[in-house]
């Protein structure tokens, strides 16, 4: 498939970014804060709140690309939670 907006490369970059997230400091723990928030029943709202947070501060920090990757990662988590509800 040929993509118009370089989606294939962007998806590869997003996956690398998510992989790095799991390799960072909190990932070594048994549970991450996100796991506990999801277990408490607040996962979808937490994800939407983080999407809003990173969207609101977009462009105010040096690494705009990192901000967009965080938005996408939280959207993926929210999508996963929604899919679990639909099952």
PDB file of N, CA and C in Angstrom:
ATOM      1  N   UNK A   1       0.844  -1.178   0.000  1.00  0.00           N
ATOM      2  CA  UNK A   1       0.000   0.000   0.000  1.00  0.00           C
ATOM      3  C   UNK A   1       0.890   1.243   0.000  1.00  0.00           C
ATOM      4  N   UNK A   2       0.494   2.217  -0.730  1.00  0.00           N
ATOM      5  CA  UNK A   2       1.191   3.496  -0.757  1.00  0.00           C
ATOM      6  C   UNK A   2       0.404   4.497   0.083  1.00  0.00           C
ATOM      7  N   UNK A   3       1.108   5.106   1.029  1.00  0.00           N
ATOM      8  CA  UNK A   3       0.480   6.086   1.908  1.00  0.00           C
ATOM      9  C   UNK A   3       0.823   7.490   1.450  1.00  0.00           C
ATOM     10  N   UNK A   4      -0.120   8.377   1.571  1.00  0.00           N
ATOM     11  CA  UNK A   4       0.047   9.752   1.115  1.00  0.00           C
ATOM     12  C   UNK A   4       0.843  10.612   2.105  1.00  0.00           C
ATOM     13  N   UNK A   5       0.691  10.329   3.391  1.00  0.00           N
ATOM     14  CA  UNK A   5       1.273  11.201   4.415  1.00  0.00           C
ATOM     15  C   UNK A   5       2.368  10.509   5.231  1.00  0.00           C
ATOM     16  N   UNK A   6       3.079   9.576   4.623  1.00  0.00           N
ATOM     17  CA  UNK A   6       4.204   8.904   5.275  1.00  0.00           C
ATOM     18  C   UNK A   6       3.776   8.122   6.522  1.00  0.00           C
ATOM     19  N   UNK A   7       2.533   7.640   6.512  1.00  0.00           N
ATOM     20  CA  UNK A   7       2.001   6.941   7.681  1.00  0.00           C
ATOM     21  C   UNK A   7       2.828   5.721   8.073  1.00  0.00           C
ATOM     22  N   UNK A   8       3.320   4.987   7.109  1.00  0.00           N
ATOM     23  CA  UNK A   8       4.087   3.781   7.422  1.00  0.00           C
ATOM     24  C   UNK A   8       5.301   4.116   8.286  1.00  0.00           C
ATOM     25  N   UNK A   9       6.056   5.127   7.901  1.00  0.00           N
ATOM     26  CA  UNK A   9       7.228   5.542   8.677  1.00  0.00           C
ATOM     27  C   UNK A   9       6.807   6.120  10.033  1.00  0.00           C
ATOM     28  N   UNK A  10       5.731   6.876  10.041  1.00  0.00           N
ATOM     29  CA  UNK A  10       5.252   7.448  11.300  1.00  0.00           C
ATOM     30  C   UNK A  10       4.843   6.359  12.279  1.00  0.00           C
ATOM     31  N   UNK A  11       4.171   5.314  11.796  1.00  0.00           N
ATOM     32  CA  UNK A  11       3.784   4.209  12.673  1.00  0.00           C
ATOM     33  C   UNK A  11       5.006   3.489  13.239  1.00  0.00           C
ATOM     34  N   UNK A  12       6.037   3.364  12.444  1.00  0.00           N
ATOM     35  CA  UNK A  12       7.292   2.766  12.926  1.00  0.00           C
ATOM     36  C   UNK A  12       7.883   3.631  14.038  1.00  0.00           C
ATOM     37  N   UNK A  13       7.885   4.943  13.834  1.00  0.00           N
ATOM     38  CA  UNK A  13       8.413   5.859  14.849  1.00  0.00           C
ATOM     39  C   UNK A  13       7.594   5.793  16.135  1.00  0.00           C
ATOM     40  N   UNK A  14       6.284   5.712  15.990  1.00  0.00           N
ATOM     41  CA  UNK A  14       5.415   5.634  17.167  1.00  0.00           C
ATOM     42  C   UNK A  14       5.708   4.355  17.942  1.00  0.00           C
ATOM     43  N   UNK A  15       5.854   3.257  17.230  1.00  0.00           N
ATOM     44  CA  UNK A  15       6.160   1.988  17.908  1.00  0.00           C
ATOM     45  C   UNK A  15       7.491   2.075  18.652  1.00  0.00           C
ATOM     46  N   UNK A  16       8.495   2.677  18.041  1.00  0.00           N
ATOM     47  CA  UNK A  16       9.795   2.840  18.716  1.00  0.00           C
ATOM     48  C   UNK A  16       9.650   3.680  19.973  1.00  0.00           C
ATOM     49  N   UNK A  17       8.858   4.739  19.877  1.00  0.00           N
ATOM     50  CA  UNK A  17       8.645   5.616  21.024  1.00  0.00           C
ATOM     51  C   UNK A  17       7.947   4.863  22.153  1.00  0.00           C
ATOM     52  N   UNK A  18       6.927   4.082  21.817  1.00  0.00           N
ATOM     53  CA  UNK A  18       6.226   3.299  22.830  1.00  0.00           C
ATOM     54  C   UNK A  18       7.170   2.271  23.438  1.00  0.00           C
ATOM     55  N   UNK A  19       7.994   1.625  22.615  1.00  0.00           N
ATOM     56  CA  UNK A  19       8.983   0.671  23.134  1.00  0.00           C
ATOM     57  C   UNK A  19       9.909   1.347  24.138  1.00  0.00           C
ATOM     58  N   UNK A  20      10.371   2.560  23.830  1.00  0.00           N
ATOM     59  CA  UNK A  20      11.250   3.291  24.749  1.00  0.00           C
ATOM     60  C   UNK A  20      10.536   3.612  26.058  1.00  0.00           C
ATOM     61  N   UNK A  21       9.245   3.907  25.970  1.00  0.00           N
ATOM     62  CA  UNK A  21       8.462   4.185  27.177  1.00  0.00           C
ATOM     63  C   UNK A  21       8.496   2.992  28.117  1.00  0.00           C
ATOM     64  N   UNK A  22       8.375   1.797  27.559  1.00  0.00           N
ATOM     65  CA  UNK A  22       8.383   0.590  28.384  1.00  0.00           C
ATOM     66  C   UNK A  22       9.779   0.267  28.913  1.00  0.00           C
ATOM     67  N   UNK A  23      10.798   0.859  28.345  1.00  0.00           N
ATOM     68  CA  UNK A  23      12.170   0.636  28.809  1.00  0.00           C
ATOM     69  C   UNK A  23      12.603   1.653  29.856  1.00  0.00           C
ATOM     70  N   UNK A  24      11.813   2.704  30.065  1.00  0.00           N
ATOM     71  CA  UNK A  24      12.208   3.783  30.962  1.00  0.00           C
ATOM     72  C   UNK A  24      11.979   3.426  32.418  1.00  0.00           C
ATOM     73  N   UNK A  25      12.223   4.395  33.290  1.00  0.00           N
ATOM     74  CA  UNK A  25      12.298   4.189  34.728  1.00  0.00           C
ATOM     75  C   UNK A  25      11.100   3.485  35.348  1.00  0.00           C
ATOM     76  N   UNK A  26       9.885   3.846  35.046  1.00  0.00           N
ATOM     77  CA  UNK A  26       8.732   3.227  35.686  1.00  0.00           C
ATOM     78  C   UNK A  26       8.450   1.829  35.152  1.00  0.00           C
ATOM     79  N   UNK A  27       8.934   1.519  33.976  1.00  0.00           N
ATOM     80  CA  UNK A  27       8.620   0.232  33.353  1.00  0.00           C
ATOM     81  C   UNK A  27       9.228  -0.945  34.108  1.00  0.00           C
ATOM     82  N   UNK A  28      10.246  -0.710  34.912  1.00  0.00           N
ATOM     83  CA  UNK A  28      10.872  -1.788  35.661  1.00  0.00           C
ATOM     84  C   UNK A  28      10.044  -2.259  36.840  1.00  0.00           C
ATOM     85  N   UNK A  29       9.080  -1.463  37.240  1.00  0.00           N
ATOM     86  CA  UNK A  29       8.205  -1.826  38.350  1.00  0.00           C
ATOM     87  C   UNK A  29       7.163  -2.834  37.877  1.00  0.00           C
ATOM     88  N   UNK A  30       6.589  -3.553  38.824  1.00  0.00           N
ATOM     89  CA  UNK A  30       5.567  -4.542  38.468  1.00  0.00           C
ATOM     90  C   UNK A  30       4.336  -3.850  37.882  1.00  0.00           C
ATOM     91  N   UNK A  31       3.943  -2.721  38.485  1.00  0.00           N
ATOM     92  CA  UNK A  31       2.786  -1.970  38.006  1.00  0.00           C
ATOM     93  C   UNK A  31       3.196  -0.536  37.725  1.00  0.00           C
ATOM     94  N   UNK A  32       2.703  -0.013  36.633  1.00  0.00           N
ATOM     95  CA  UNK A  32       2.893   1.393  36.341  1.00  0.00           C
ATOM     96  C   UNK A  32       1.673   2.147  36.879  1.00  0.00           C
ATOM     97  N   UNK A  33       1.796   3.446  37.043  1.00  0.00           N
ATOM     98  CA  UNK A  33       0.676   4.253  37.532  1.00  0.00           C
ATOM     99  C   UNK A  33      -0.545   4.065  36.637  1.00  0.00           C
ATOM    100  N   UNK A  34      -0.328   3.983  35.341  1.00  0.00           N
ATOM    101  CA  UNK A  34      -1.443   3.807  34.411  1.00  0.00           C
ATOM    102  C   UNK A  34      -2.194   2.513  34.710  1.00  0.00           C
ATOM    103  N   UNK A  35      -1.469   1.437  35.039  1.00  0.00           N
ATOM    104  CA  UNK A  35      -2.124   0.164  35.384  1.00  0.00           C
ATOM    105  C   UNK A  35      -3.037   0.331  36.591  1.00  0.00           C
ATOM    106  N   UNK A  36      -2.541   1.013  37.613  1.00  0.00           N
ATOM    107  CA  UNK A  36      -3.319   1.190  38.831  1.00  0.00           C
ATOM    108  C   UNK A  36      -4.539   2.077  38.586  1.00  0.00           C
ATOM    109  N   UNK A  37      -4.377   3.099  37.766  1.00  0.00           N
ATOM    110  CA  UNK A  37      -5.495   3.991  37.441  1.00  0.00           C
ATOM    111  C   UNK A  37      -6.552   3.224  36.646  1.00  0.00           C
ATOM    112  N   UNK A  38      -6.123   2.397  35.713  1.00  0.00           N
ATOM    113  CA  UNK A  38      -7.057   1.561  34.944  1.00  0.00           C
ATOM    114  C   UNK A  38      -7.782   0.597  35.874  1.00  0.00           C
ATOM    115  N   UNK A  39      -7.028  -0.061  36.767  1.00  0.00           N
ATOM    116  CA  UNK A  39      -7.631  -1.013  37.703  1.00  0.00           C
ATOM    117  C   UNK A  39      -8.656  -0.341  38.617  1.00  0.00           C
ATOM    118  N   UNK A  40      -8.474   0.939  38.896  1.00  0.00           N
ATOM    119  CA  UNK A  40      -9.404   1.682  39.747  1.00  0.00           C
ATOM    120  C   UNK A  40     -10.638   2.158  38.967  1.00  0.00           C
ATOM    121  N   UNK A  41     -10.655   1.877  37.659  1.00  0.00           N
ATOM    122  CA  UNK A  41     -11.815   2.239  36.848  1.00  0.00           C
ATOM    123  C   UNK A  41     -11.771   3.618  36.228  1.00  0.00           C
ATOM    124  N   UNK A  42     -10.598   4.242  36.236  1.00  0.00           N
ATOM    125  CA  UNK A  42     -10.483   5.600  35.717  1.00  0.00           C
ATOM    126  C   UNK A  42      -9.610   5.690  34.466  1.00  0.00           C
ATOM    127  N   UNK A  43      -9.329   4.559  33.843  1.00  0.00           N
ATOM    128  CA  UNK A  43      -8.367   4.523  32.746  1.00  0.00           C
ATOM    129  C   UNK A  43      -8.725   5.380  31.554  1.00  0.00           C
ATOM    130  N   UNK A  44      -9.953   5.259  31.088  1.00  0.00           N
ATOM    131  CA  UNK A  44     -10.341   6.024  29.900  1.00  0.00           C
ATOM    132  C   UNK A  44     -10.268   7.528  30.166  1.00  0.00           C
ATOM    133  N   UNK A  45     -10.790   7.960  31.303  1.00  0.00           N
ATOM    134  CA  UNK A  45     -10.735   9.385  31.654  1.00  0.00           C
ATOM    135  C   UNK A  45      -9.301   9.863  31.822  1.00  0.00           C
ATOM    136  N   UNK A  46      -8.460   9.021  32.431  1.00  0.00           N
ATOM    137  CA  UNK A  46      -7.048   9.352  32.596  1.00  0.00           C
ATOM    138  C   UNK A  46      -6.383   9.574  31.240  1.00  0.00           C
ATOM    139  N   UNK A  47      -6.652   8.666  30.313  1.00  0.00           N
ATOM    140  CA  UNK A  47      -6.055   8.787  28.970  1.00  0.00           C
ATOM    141  C   UNK A  47      -6.547  10.040  28.262  1.00  0.00           C
ATOM    142  N   UNK A  48      -7.858  10.284  28.306  1.00  0.00           N
ATOM    143  CA  UNK A  48      -8.409  11.472  27.648  1.00  0.00           C
ATOM    144  C   UNK A  48      -7.842  12.736  28.303  1.00  0.00           C
ATOM    145  N   UNK A  49      -7.714  12.716  29.623  1.00  0.00           N
ATOM    146  CA  UNK A  49      -7.122  13.866  30.315  1.00  0.00           C
ATOM    147  C   UNK A  49      -5.691  14.114  29.883  1.00  0.00           C
ATOM    148  N   UNK A  50      -4.909  13.064  29.718  1.00  0.00           N
ATOM    149  CA  UNK A  50      -3.526  13.223  29.266  1.00  0.00           C
ATOM    150  C   UNK A  50      -3.467  13.687  27.815  1.00  0.00           C
ATOM    151  N   UNK A  51      -4.378  13.191  26.996  1.00  0.00           N
ATOM    152  CA  UNK A  51      -4.444  13.682  25.608  1.00  0.00           C
ATOM    153  C   UNK A  51      -4.712  15.182  25.610  1.00  0.00           C
ATOM    154  N   UNK A  52      -5.640  15.614  26.452  1.00  0.00           N
ATOM    155  CA  UNK A  52      -5.951  17.053  26.549  1.00  0.00           C
ATOM    156  C   UNK A  52      -4.738  17.831  27.063  1.00  0.00           C
ATOM    157  N   UNK A  53      -4.077  17.296  28.089  1.00  0.00           N
ATOM    158  CA  UNK A  53      -2.910  17.975  28.678  1.00  0.00           C
ATOM    159  C   UNK A  53      -1.820  18.190  27.631  1.00  0.00           C
ATOM    160  N   UNK A  54      -1.449  17.112  26.941  1.00  0.00           N
ATOM    161  CA  UNK A  54      -0.378  17.232  25.953  1.00  0.00           C
ATOM    162  C   UNK A  54      -0.804  18.069  24.750  1.00  0.00           C
ATOM    163  N   UNK A  55      -2.081  18.048  24.427  1.00  0.00           N
ATOM    164  CA  UNK A  55      -2.576  18.885  23.335  1.00  0.00           C
ATOM    165  C   UNK A  55      -2.496  20.366  23.709  1.00  0.00           C
ATOM    166  N   UNK A  56      -2.877  20.673  24.944  1.00  0.00           N
ATOM    167  CA  UNK A  56      -2.868  22.071  25.399  1.00  0.00           C
ATOM    168  C   UNK A  56      -1.461  22.650  25.477  1.00  0.00           C
ATOM    169  N   UNK A  57      -0.496  21.812  25.812  1.00  0.00           N
ATOM    170  CA  UNK A  57       0.862  22.348  25.931  1.00  0.00           C
ATOM    171  C   UNK A  57       1.696  22.140  24.665  1.00  0.00           C
ATOM    172  N   UNK A  58       1.067  21.599  23.628  1.00  0.00           N
ATOM    173  CA  UNK A  58       1.778  21.378  22.368  1.00  0.00           C
ATOM    174  C   UNK A  58       2.379  22.686  21.865  1.00  0.00           C
ATOM    175  N   UNK A  59       3.656  22.622  21.528  1.00  0.00           N
ATOM    176  CA  UNK A  59       4.346  23.790  21.000  1.00  0.00           C
ATOM    177  C   UNK A  59       4.993  24.667  22.054  1.00  0.00           C
ATOM    178  N   UNK A  60       4.711  24.410  23.316  1.00  0.00           N
ATOM    179  CA  UNK A  60       5.283  25.216  24.386  1.00  0.00           C
ATOM    180  C   UNK A  60       6.613  24.648  24.869  1.00  0.00           C
ATOM    181  N   UNK A  61       6.930  23.445  24.453  1.00  0.00           N
ATOM    182  CA  UNK A  61       8.211  22.830  24.786  1.00  0.00           C
ATOM    183  C   UNK A  61       8.967  22.589  23.489  1.00  0.00           C
ATOM    184  N   UNK A  62      10.228  22.255  23.610  1.00  0.00           N
ATOM    185  CA  UNK A  62      11.075  22.118  22.429  1.00  0.00           C
ATOM    186  C   UNK A  62      10.719  20.943  21.531  1.00  0.00           C
ATOM    187  N   UNK A  63      10.345  19.820  22.120  1.00  0.00           N
ATOM    188  CA  UNK A  63      10.162  18.611  21.327  1.00  0.00           C
ATOM    189  C   UNK A  63       8.684  18.374  21.003  1.00  0.00           C
ATOM    190  N   UNK A  64       8.199  19.036  19.970  1.00  0.00           N
ATOM    191  CA  UNK A  64       6.802  18.901  19.573  1.00  0.00           C
ATOM    192  C   UNK A  64       6.468  17.469  19.178  1.00  0.00           C
ATOM    193  N   UNK A  65       7.410  16.812  18.537  1.00  0.00           N
ATOM    194  CA  UNK A  65       7.191  15.440  18.088  1.00  0.00           C
ATOM    195  C   UNK A  65       6.933  14.511  19.277  1.00  0.00           C
ATOM    196  N   UNK A  66       7.674  14.688  20.353  1.00  0.00           N
ATOM    197  CA  UNK A  66       7.481  13.858  21.552  1.00  0.00           C
ATOM    198  C   UNK A  66       6.094  14.080  22.139  1.00  0.00           C
ATOM    199  N   UNK A  67       5.630  15.315  22.122  1.00  0.00           N
ATOM    200  CA  UNK A  67       4.288  15.614  22.629  1.00  0.00           C
ATOM    201  C   UNK A  67       3.228  14.880  21.810  1.00  0.00           C
ATOM    202  N   UNK A  68       3.379  14.909  20.497  1.00  0.00           N
ATOM    203  CA  UNK A  68       2.422  14.220  19.630  1.00  0.00           C
ATOM    204  C   UNK A  68       2.470  12.706  19.842  1.00  0.00           C
ATOM    205  N   UNK A  69       3.666  12.172  20.060  1.00  0.00           N
ATOM    206  CA  UNK A  69       3.778  10.739  20.327  1.00  0.00           C
ATOM    207  C   UNK A  69       3.065  10.368  21.623  1.00  0.00           C
ATOM    208  N   UNK A  70       3.150  11.222  22.630  1.00  0.00           N
ATOM    209  CA  UNK A  70       2.454  10.949  23.894  1.00  0.00           C
ATOM    210  C   UNK A  70       0.943  10.966  23.679  1.00  0.00           C
ATOM    211  N   UNK A  71       0.465  11.920  22.904  1.00  0.00           N
ATOM    212  CA  UNK A  71      -0.966  11.991  22.595  1.00  0.00           C
ATOM    213  C   UNK A  71      -1.411  10.703  21.917  1.00  0.00           C
ATOM    214  N   UNK A  72      -0.644  10.261  20.948  1.00  0.00           N
ATOM    215  CA  UNK A  72      -0.990   9.041  20.214  1.00  0.00           C
ATOM    216  C   UNK A  72      -0.943   7.827  21.132  1.00  0.00           C
ATOM    217  N   UNK A  73       0.073   7.749  21.996  1.00  0.00           N
ATOM    218  CA  UNK A  73       0.181   6.600  22.897  1.00  0.00           C
ATOM    219  C   UNK A  73      -1.024   6.533  23.833  1.00  0.00           C
ATOM    220  N   UNK A  74      -1.413   7.664  24.419  1.00  0.00           N
ATOM    221  CA  UNK A  74      -2.589   7.664  25.286  1.00  0.00           C
ATOM    222  C   UNK A  74      -3.857   7.354  24.500  1.00  0.00           C
ATOM    223  N   UNK A  75      -3.934   7.778  23.257  1.00  0.00           N
ATOM    224  CA  UNK A  75      -5.087   7.443  22.415  1.00  0.00           C
ATOM    225  C   UNK A  75      -5.131   5.939  22.154  1.00  0.00           C
ATOM    226  N   UNK A  76      -3.984   5.327  21.947  1.00  0.00           N
ATOM    227  CA  UNK A  76      -3.923   3.876  21.735  1.00  0.00           C
ATOM    228  C   UNK A  76      -4.395   3.139  22.991  1.00  0.00           C
ATOM    229  N   UNK A  77      -3.964   3.603  24.158  1.00  0.00           N
ATOM    230  CA  UNK A  77      -4.391   2.973  25.409  1.00  0.00           C
ATOM    231  C   UNK A  77      -5.907   3.133  25.571  1.00  0.00           C
ATOM    232  N   UNK A  78      -6.428   4.323  25.296  1.00  0.00           N
ATOM    233  CA  UNK A  78      -7.870   4.564  25.395  1.00  0.00           C
ATOM    234  C   UNK A  78      -8.632   3.678  24.417  1.00  0.00           C
ATOM    235  N   UNK A  79      -8.108   3.527  23.226  1.00  0.00           N
ATOM    236  CA  UNK A  79      -8.731   2.654  22.235  1.00  0.00           C
ATOM    237  C   UNK A  79      -8.757   1.210  22.732  1.00  0.00           C
ATOM    238  N   UNK A  80      -7.660   0.772  23.324  1.00  0.00           N
ATOM    239  CA  UNK A  80      -7.590  -0.584  23.885  1.00  0.00           C
ATOM    240  C   UNK A  80      -8.658  -0.770  24.969  1.00  0.00           C
ATOM    241  N   UNK A  81      -8.790   0.207  25.845  1.00  0.00           N
ATOM    242  CA  UNK A  81      -9.778   0.118  26.920  1.00  0.00           C
ATOM    243  C   UNK A  81     -11.195   0.084  26.349  1.00  0.00           C
ATOM    244  N   UNK A  82     -11.448   0.874  25.329  1.00  0.00           N
ATOM    245  CA  UNK A  82     -12.762   0.884  24.682  1.00  0.00           C
ATOM    246  C   UNK A  82     -13.057  -0.449  24.015  1.00  0.00           C
ATOM    247  N   UNK A  83     -12.054  -1.013  23.362  1.00  0.00           N
ATOM    248  CA  UNK A  83     -12.237  -2.313  22.722  1.00  0.00           C
ATOM    249  C   UNK A  83     -12.537  -3.403  23.744  1.00  0.00           C
ATOM    250  N   UNK A  84     -11.899  -3.314  24.918  1.00  0.00           N
ATOM    251  CA  UNK A  84     -12.176  -4.284  25.983  1.00  0.00           C
ATOM    252  C   UNK A  84     -13.632  -4.162  26.464  1.00  0.00           C
ATOM    253  N   UNK A  85     -14.138  -2.929  26.522  1.00  0.00           N
ATOM    254  CA  UNK A  85     -15.533  -2.727  26.919  1.00  0.00           C
ATOM    255  C   UNK A  85     -16.491  -3.317  25.896  1.00  0.00           C
ATOM    256  N   UNK A  86     -16.120  -3.212  24.621  1.00  0.00           N
ATOM    257  CA  UNK A  86     -16.980  -3.676  23.540  1.00  0.00           C
ATOM    258  C   UNK A  86     -17.015  -5.193  23.418  1.00  0.00           C
ATOM    259  N   UNK A  87     -16.016  -5.871  23.991  1.00  0.00           N
ATOM    260  CA  UNK A  87     -15.970  -7.346  23.885  1.00  0.00           C
ATOM    261  C   UNK A  87     -16.992  -8.015  24.757  1.00  0.00           C
TER     262      UNK A  87
END
